[in-house]
C-alpha atoms as a PDB file:
ATOM      1  CA  UNK A   1       0.000   0.000   0.000  1.00  0.00           C
ATOM      2  CA  UNK A   2       1.494   3.374  -0.975  1.00  0.00           C
ATOM      3  CA  UNK A   3       2.282   5.770   1.846  1.00  0.00           C
ATOM      4  CA  UNK A   4       0.517   9.118   1.432  1.00  0.00           C
ATOM      5  CA  UNK A   5       3.299  11.678   1.723  1.00  0.00           C
ATOM      6  CA  UNK A   6       2.830  15.320   0.832  1.00  0.00           C
ATOM      7  CA  UNK A   7       6.055  16.640  -0.741  1.00  0.00           C
ATOM      8  CA  UNK A   8       5.197  20.171   0.338  1.00  0.00           C
ATOM      9  CA  UNK A   9       4.587  19.253   3.988  1.00  0.00           C
ATOM     10  CA  UNK A  10       6.357  21.962   6.026  1.00  0.00           C
ATOM     11  CA  UNK A  11       6.592  19.657   9.061  1.00  0.00           C
ATOM     12  CA  UNK A  12       8.843  17.127   7.403  1.00  0.00           C
ATOM     13  CA  UNK A  13      11.414  17.961   4.773  1.00  0.00           C
ATOM     14  CA  UNK A  14      10.827  16.178   1.511  1.00  0.00           C
ATOM     15  CA  UNK A  15      14.436  15.023   1.569  1.00  0.00           C
ATOM     16  CA  UNK A  16      13.921  12.886   4.704  1.00  0.00           C
ATOM     17  CA  UNK A  17      10.542  11.584   3.610  1.00  0.00           C
ATOM     18  CA  UNK A  18      11.837  10.568   0.197  1.00  0.00           C
ATOM     19  CA  UNK A  19      14.849   8.853   1.814  1.00  0.00           C
ATOM     20  CA  UNK A  20      12.446   6.719   3.845  1.00  0.00           C
ATOM     21  CA  UNK A  21      10.437   5.797   0.753  1.00  0.00           C
ATOM     22  CA  UNK A  22      13.583   4.851  -1.149  1.00  0.00           C
ATOM     23  CA  UNK A  23      14.885   2.774   1.763  1.00  0.00           C
ATOM     24  CA  UNK A  24      11.569   0.960   2.256  1.00  0.00           C
ATOM     25  CA  UNK A  25      10.922  -0.450  -1.208  1.00  0.00           C
ATOM     26  CA  UNK A  26       7.304  -1.212  -0.272  1.00  0.00           C
ATOM     27  CA  UNK A  27       6.350   2.455  -0.239  1.00  0.00           C
ATOM     28  CA  UNK A  28       5.646   4.945  -2.991  1.00  0.00           C
ATOM     29  CA  UNK A  29       5.764   8.706  -2.583  1.00  0.00           C
ATOM     30  CA  UNK A  30       2.290  10.047  -3.433  1.00  0.00           C
ATOM     31  CA  UNK A  31       2.362  13.562  -4.839  1.00  0.00           C
ATOM     32  CA  UNK A  32      -1.017  15.275  -5.063  1.00  0.00           C
ATOM     33  CA  UNK A  33      -1.336  17.638  -8.000  1.00  0.00           C
ATOM     34  CA  UNK A  34      -4.354  19.956  -7.679  1.00  0.00           C
ATOM     35  CA  UNK A  35      -6.272  20.765 -10.841  1.00  0.00           C
ATOM     36  CA  UNK A  36      -5.297  24.435 -10.491  1.00  0.00           C
ATOM     37  CA  UNK A  37      -1.596  23.501 -10.596  1.00  0.00           C
ATOM     38  CA  UNK A  38      -2.168  21.244 -13.593  1.00  0.00           C
ATOM     39  CA  UNK A  39      -3.974  24.011 -15.481  1.00  0.00           C
ATOM     40  CA  UNK A  40      -1.242  26.535 -14.591  1.00  0.00           C
ATOM     41  CA  UNK A  41       1.520  24.062 -15.513  1.00  0.00           C
ATOM     42  CA  UNK A  42       2.941  24.475 -12.004  1.00  0.00           C
ATOM     43  CA  UNK A  43       5.534  21.692 -11.982  1.00  0.00           C
ATOM     44  CA  UNK A  44       7.253  22.371  -8.632  1.00  0.00           C
ATOM     45  CA  UNK A  45       5.572  19.716  -6.494  1.00  0.00           C
ATOM     46  CA  UNK A  46       5.759  17.143  -9.279  1.00  0.00           C
ATOM     47  CA  UNK A  47       9.470  17.664  -9.868  1.00  0.00           C
ATOM     48  CA  UNK A  48      10.573  18.103  -6.242  1.00  0.00           C
ATOM     49  CA  UNK A  49      11.160  14.369  -5.579  1.00  0.00           C
ATOM     50  CA  UNK A  50      13.142  14.023  -8.813  1.00  0.00           C
ATOM     51  CA  UNK A  51      15.362  16.938  -7.782  1.00  0.00           C
ATOM     52  CA  UNK A  52      15.881  15.387  -4.349  1.00  0.00           C
ATOM     53  CA  UNK A  53      16.820  12.059  -5.954  1.00  0.00           C
ATOM     54  CA  UNK A  54      19.502  13.815  -7.982  1.00  0.00           C
ATOM     55  CA  UNK A  55      20.746  16.042  -5.150  1.00  0.00           C
ATOM     56  CA  UNK A  56      21.004  13.157  -2.710  1.00  0.00           C
ATOM     57  CA  UNK A  57      22.372  10.662  -5.271  1.00  0.00           C
ATOM     58  CA  UNK A  58      19.348   8.431  -4.655  1.00  0.00           C
ATOM     59  CA  UNK A  59      18.708   7.798  -8.332  1.00  0.00           C
ATOM     60  CA  UNK A  60      19.974   4.187  -8.451  1.00  0.00           C
ATOM     61  CA  UNK A  61      17.533   3.215  -5.681  1.00  0.00           C
ATOM     62  CA  UNK A  62      14.655   5.509  -6.652  1.00  0.00           C
ATOM     63  CA  UNK A  63      13.206   3.503  -9.522  1.00  0.00           C
ATOM     64  CA  UNK A  64       9.401   3.239  -9.357  1.00  0.00           C
ATOM     65  CA  UNK A  65       9.071   5.241  -6.130  1.00  0.00           C
ATOM     66  CA  UNK A  66       6.867   8.122  -7.286  1.00  0.00           C
ATOM     67  CA  UNK A  67       3.115   8.277  -7.966  1.00  0.00           C
ATOM     68  CA  UNK A  68       1.100  11.323  -9.019  1.00  0.00           C
ATOM     69  CA  UNK A  69      -2.476  11.829  -7.883  1.00  0.00           C
ATOM     70  CA  UNK A  70      -4.384  14.298 -10.055  1.00  0.00           C
ATOM     71  CA  UNK A  71      -6.893  15.924  -7.704  1.00  0.00           C
ATOM     72  CA  UNK A  72     -10.025  17.617  -8.991  1.00  0.00           C
ATOM     73  CA  UNK A  73     -10.744  15.227 -11.854  1.00  0.00           C
ATOM     74  CA  UNK A  74     -12.805  12.714  -9.891  1.00  0.00           C
ATOM     75  CA  UNK A  75     -16.046  13.607 -11.686  1.00  0.00           C
ATOM     76  CA  UNK A  76     -14.543  13.639 -15.161  1.00  0.00           C
ATOM     77  CA  UNK A  77     -15.440  10.282 -16.760  1.00  0.00           C
ATOM     78  CA  UNK A  78     -12.585  10.422 -19.268  1.00  0.00           C
ATOM     79  CA  UNK A  79      -9.320   8.589 -18.733  1.00  0.00           C
ATOM     80  CA  UNK A  80      -6.533  10.992 -17.715  1.00  0.00           C
ATOM     81  CA  UNK A  81      -4.749  10.622 -21.062  1.00  0.00           C
ATOM     82  CA  UNK A  82      -7.820  12.043 -22.828  1.00  0.00           C
ATOM     83  CA  UNK A  83      -7.942  15.242 -20.744  1.00  0.00           C
ATOM     84  CA  UNK A  84      -6.155  18.019 -22.618  1.00  0.00           C
ATOM     85  CA  UNK A  85      -4.839  19.906 -19.596  1.00  0.00           C
ATOM     86  CA  UNK A  86      -3.433  16.693 -18.100  1.00  0.00           C
ATOM     87  CA  UNK A  87      -1.734  15.927 -21.414  1.00  0.00           C
ATOM     88  CA  UNK A  88      -0.174  19.406 -21.490  1.00  0.00           C
ATOM     89  CA  UNK A  89       0.984  19.018 -17.881  1.00  0.00           C
ATOM     90  CA  UNK A  90       2.480  15.574 -18.569  1.00  0.00           C
ATOM     91  CA  UNK A  91       4.277  16.864 -21.654  1.00  0.00           C
ATOM     92  CA  UNK A  92       5.673  19.796 -19.666  1.00  0.00           C
ATOM     93  CA  UNK A  93       6.875  17.374 -16.969  1.00  0.00           C
ATOM     94  CA  UNK A  94       8.391  15.152 -19.618  1.00  0.00           C
ATOM     95  CA  UNK A  95      10.242  18.123 -21.141  1.00  0.00           C
ATOM     96  CA  UNK A  96      11.700  19.057 -17.732  1.00  0.00           C
ATOM     97  CA  UNK A  97      12.491  15.493 -16.627  1.00  0.00           C
ATOM     98  CA  UNK A  98      13.022  13.275 -19.694  1.00  0.00           C
ATOM     99  CA  UNK A  99      13.750  10.194 -17.545  1.00  0.00           C
ATOM    100  CA  UNK A 100      10.636  10.610 -15.387  1.00  0.00           C
ATOM    101  CA  UNK A 101       9.316   7.182 -16.404  1.00  0.00           C
ATOM    102  CA  UNK A 102      12.197   5.704 -14.374  1.00  0.00           C
ATOM    103  CA  UNK A 103      10.900   7.294 -11.158  1.00  0.00           C
ATOM    104  CA  UNK A 104       7.190   6.616 -11.685  1.00  0.00           C
ATOM    105  CA  UNK A 105       5.707   3.591  -9.991  1.00  0.00           C
ATOM    106  CA  UNK A 106       5.106   0.653 -12.250  1.00  0.00           C
ATOM    107  CA  UNK A 107       1.318   1.049 -12.244  1.00  0.00           C
ATOM    108  CA  UNK A 108       1.487   4.653 -13.459  1.00  0.00           C
ATOM    109  CA  UNK A 109       4.075   4.361 -16.228  1.00  0.00           C
ATOM    110  CA  UNK A 110       1.626   3.383 -18.972  1.00  0.00           C
ATOM    111  CA  UNK A 111      -0.834   6.137 -18.110  1.00  0.00           C
ATOM    112  CA  UNK A 112       1.952   8.725 -18.042  1.00  0.00           C
ATOM    113  CA  UNK A 113       3.290   7.527 -21.388  1.00  0.00           C
ATOM    114  CA  UNK A 114      -0.182   7.876 -22.937  1.00  0.00           C
ATOM    115  CA  UNK A 115      -0.431  11.422 -21.542  1.00  0.00           C
ATOM    116  CA  UNK A 116       3.078  12.610 -22.376  1.00  0.00           C
ATOM    117  CA  UNK A 117       3.560  11.042 -25.801  1.00  0.00           C
ATOM    118  CA  UNK A 118       3.622  13.496 -28.700  1.00  0.00           C
ATOM    119  CA  UNK A 119       0.203  14.657 -29.864  1.00  0.00           C
ATOM    120  CA  UNK A 120      -1.099  13.254 -33.129  1.00  0.00           C
ATOM    121  CA  UNK A 121      -0.479  15.354 -36.237  1.00  0.00           C
ATOM    122  CA  UNK A 122      -2.994  18.106 -36.996  1.00  0.00           C
ATOM    123  CA  UNK A 123      -6.295  16.668 -38.105  1.00  0.00           C
ATOM    124  CA  UNK A 124      -5.715  13.215 -36.589  1.00  0.00           C
ATOM    125  CA  UNK A 125      -8.076  11.962 -33.930  1.00  0.00           C
ATOM    126  CA  UNK A 126      -6.697  12.012 -30.358  1.00  0.00           C
ATOM    127  CA  UNK A 127      -5.109   8.664 -29.606  1.00  0.00           C
ATOM    128  CA  UNK A 128      -4.775   7.858 -33.313  1.00  0.00           C
ATOM    129  CA  UNK A 129      -2.050   5.295 -33.846  1.00  0.00           C
ATOM    130  CA  UNK A 130      -2.633   4.299 -37.423  1.00  0.00           C
ATOM    131  CA  UNK A 131      -0.815   6.990 -39.399  1.00  0.00           C
ATOM    132  CA  UNK A 132       2.835   6.607 -40.292  1.00  0.00           C
ATOM    133  CA  UNK A 133       3.577  10.108 -38.932  1.00  0.00           C
ATOM    134  CA  UNK A 134       1.980   9.282 -35.581  1.00  0.00           C
ATOM    135  CA  UNK A 135       3.858   5.978 -35.303  1.00  0.00           C
ATOM    136  CA  UNK A 136       7.139   7.660 -36.249  1.00  0.00           C
ATOM    137  CA  UNK A 137       6.673  10.426 -33.648  1.00  0.00           C
ATOM    138  CA  UNK A 138       5.841   7.842 -30.971  1.00  0.00           C
ATOM    139  CA  UNK A 139       8.867   5.716 -31.895  1.00  0.00           C
ATOM    140  CA  UNK A 140      11.159   8.757 -31.798  1.00  0.00           C
ATOM    141  CA  UNK A 141       9.766   9.765 -28.387  1.00  0.00           C
ATOM    142  CA  UNK A 142      10.313   6.217 -27.112  1.00  0.00           C
ATOM    143  CA  UNK A 143      13.946   6.315 -28.315  1.00  0.00           C
ATOM    144  CA  UNK A 144      14.455   9.582 -26.398  1.00  0.00           C
ATOM    145  CA  UNK A 145      12.926   8.038 -23.250  1.00  0.00           C
ATOM    146  CA  UNK A 146      15.276   5.054 -23.521  1.00  0.00           C
ATOM    147  CA  UNK A 147      18.287   7.339 -24.005  1.00  0.00           C
ATOM    148  CA  UNK A 148      17.281   9.345 -20.928  1.00  0.00           C
ATOM    149  CA  UNK A 149      17.005   6.224 -18.749  1.00  0.00           C
ATOM    150  CA  UNK A 150      20.293   4.829 -20.038  1.00  0.00           C
ATOM    151  CA  UNK A 151      21.837   8.266 -19.409  1.00  0.00           C
ATOM    152  CA  UNK A 152      20.686   8.103 -15.778  1.00  0.00           C
ATOM    153  CA  UNK A 153      22.395   4.757 -15.456  1.00  0.00           C
ATOM    154  CA  UNK A 154      25.615   6.083 -16.960  1.00  0.00           C
ATOM    155  CA  UNK A 155      25.568   9.178 -14.745  1.00  0.00           C
ATOM    156  CA  UNK A 156      24.905   7.245 -11.531  1.00  0.00           C
ATOM    157  CA  UNK A 157      26.899   4.078 -12.218  1.00  0.00           C
ATOM    158  CA  UNK A 158      24.182   1.480 -12.763  1.00  0.00           C
ATOM    159  CA  UNK A 159      23.064  -0.519 -15.772  1.00  0.00           C
ATOM    160  CA  UNK A 160      20.030   1.328 -17.138  1.00  0.00           C
ATOM    161  CA  UNK A 161      19.090  -1.387 -19.612  1.00  0.00           C
ATOM    162  CA  UNK A 162      17.222  -3.634 -17.125  1.00  0.00           C
ATOM    163  CA  UNK A 163      15.332  -0.580 -15.854  1.00  0.00           C
ATOM    164  CA  UNK A 164      14.439   0.338 -19.432  1.00  0.00           C
ATOM    165  CA  UNK A 165      13.135  -3.190 -20.097  1.00  0.00           C
ATOM    166  CA  UNK A 166      10.914  -2.956 -16.985  1.00  0.00           C
ATOM    167  CA  UNK A 167       9.615   0.436 -18.121  1.00  0.00           C
ATOM    168  CA  UNK A 168       8.918  -0.817 -21.652  1.00  0.00           C
ATOM    169  CA  UNK A 169       7.068  -3.853 -20.247  1.00  0.00           C
ATOM    170  CA  UNK A 170       5.065  -1.695 -17.826  1.00  0.00           C
ATOM    171  CA  UNK A 171       4.046   0.667 -20.623  1.00  0.00           C
ATOM    172  CA  UNK A 172       3.326  -2.176 -23.036  1.00  0.00           C
ATOM    173  CA  UNK A 173       5.959  -1.295 -25.601  1.00  0.00           C
ATOM    174  CA  UNK A 174       7.421  -4.057 -27.754  1.00  0.00           C
ATOM    175  CA  UNK A 175      10.945  -5.315 -27.175  1.00  0.00           C
ATOM    176  CA  UNK A 176      13.570  -3.550 -29.265  1.00  0.00           C
ATOM    177  CA  UNK A 177      13.641  -5.032 -32.746  1.00  0.00           C
ATOM    178  CA  UNK A 178      10.039  -6.328 -32.682  1.00  0.00           C
END
């Protein structure tokens, strides 16, 4: 069961809370993102744990330790990846933290990938996967995600390839070469 931890809690520095989550591999840091912050593209709370992981050299142990909760969308019947403002927020997060899929918990990776993937070309239906241009943009984005995860491994002295394979499996991407 994930531990509900507010990264902006003034009574406990995020640094110490995130350390505990990383040390206890059964926990996930829940970060609540209010609808107002999503609309305003306020990325601070979402990126704070990633910054701590880098500052504290926790990256090698921080795989799959972060989960975002989008508050204020409970009554919207659409899946998150179909909500335009959530897509824009996810793409902004992805631009700021290209290896974010590494940090996201395994249950959220697929949903984030659907939100953050490049939008379909003009005139294509949202979620369209049939056009060659859409497939090419998705494949290019996937290559950039892999490079970012492998880059984390190189920077922090761990083999990023196994982490990438877990991410690809969690998202539902085919093995390289398929």
